[in-house]
Amino acid sequence: MEHVKKHFEEEAEEFDQVIIRLIPHYSEMINGLVEAIPFEHSAPIKVIDLGCGTGTISKRIINIFPNAAITCLDIAPNMIEVAKQKMKEYPGTTFQVGDFQNYEFNDKYNVVVSSLALHHLPTDIGKQNFCKKIFNSLLPNGVFYNGDIIIGSNETIQRMNMTKWKAFLRKNIPDDEIENKWMQTYRNEDYPAKLSDQLKWLEKIGFSEVDVLWKYYNFALYGGTKKQL
């Protein structure tokens, strides 16, 4: 994860502008995540944001759930510093610098969220084991939602996904930058999995009400609930 950390350290200050140029309908995906949190807006929910980046999701959550206690975790100290500035009006927020793949949950949460982070886990087994840790960290009736890059269930769908993504990128980024920077980063740092596989993993782990809340070609928002027994 060191090269991933370096990448995000370098781009922390510009990340909020970069992400909307790279991810189609990014704000729509994030809005879908926040709107799916199934608690009263006044509830004192406990939330952890895995790979929080500059705190975009956490800021939107606290705007809707003002009594939430949020833990922001990210591998890049520069990202955490930007998140601290973004969340400075909410002193109850906790910030931690750390690699989420080695993170030991020392608390229980009503909500676990992540965005564009879990695809950095290099193996399918690693992804499944981490989702088990997330499940175990949830309180009864807690939810996990993840917005992330995925791969298609067959080669035809994956080619279409990549074609559509590059078409979006060309609206914002020169062709040479797409191929020489962002596609190279994708090949070197990203390990996305099939969405259909990930939904099966969640159900096997024990999540209920597993669903896809939003999807645009190779980006999807999905998750499930840890039902009270």
Foldseek 3Di string as FASTA:
>chain_A
DVVVQVVLQVCLVPVVVVVPLQDPPVVVLLVLVLVPLPDQLADAFEEEEEQCFQPPSVLVNCVSNVNYQYEYEHQHPSRQVNNCVSCVVNVSYHYDHDDLLPDQDPAAGQEYEYEAPLQQQADPVSSLVSVLRNLVRYDAFGKYKYKHFAAEPDPVLRVVLVVVSVVSSVVPDDPCCCVVPVVVCCVPRGRHYHPVVVLVSQVVSPFPPWDWRDDDRRITMIIGTRHDD
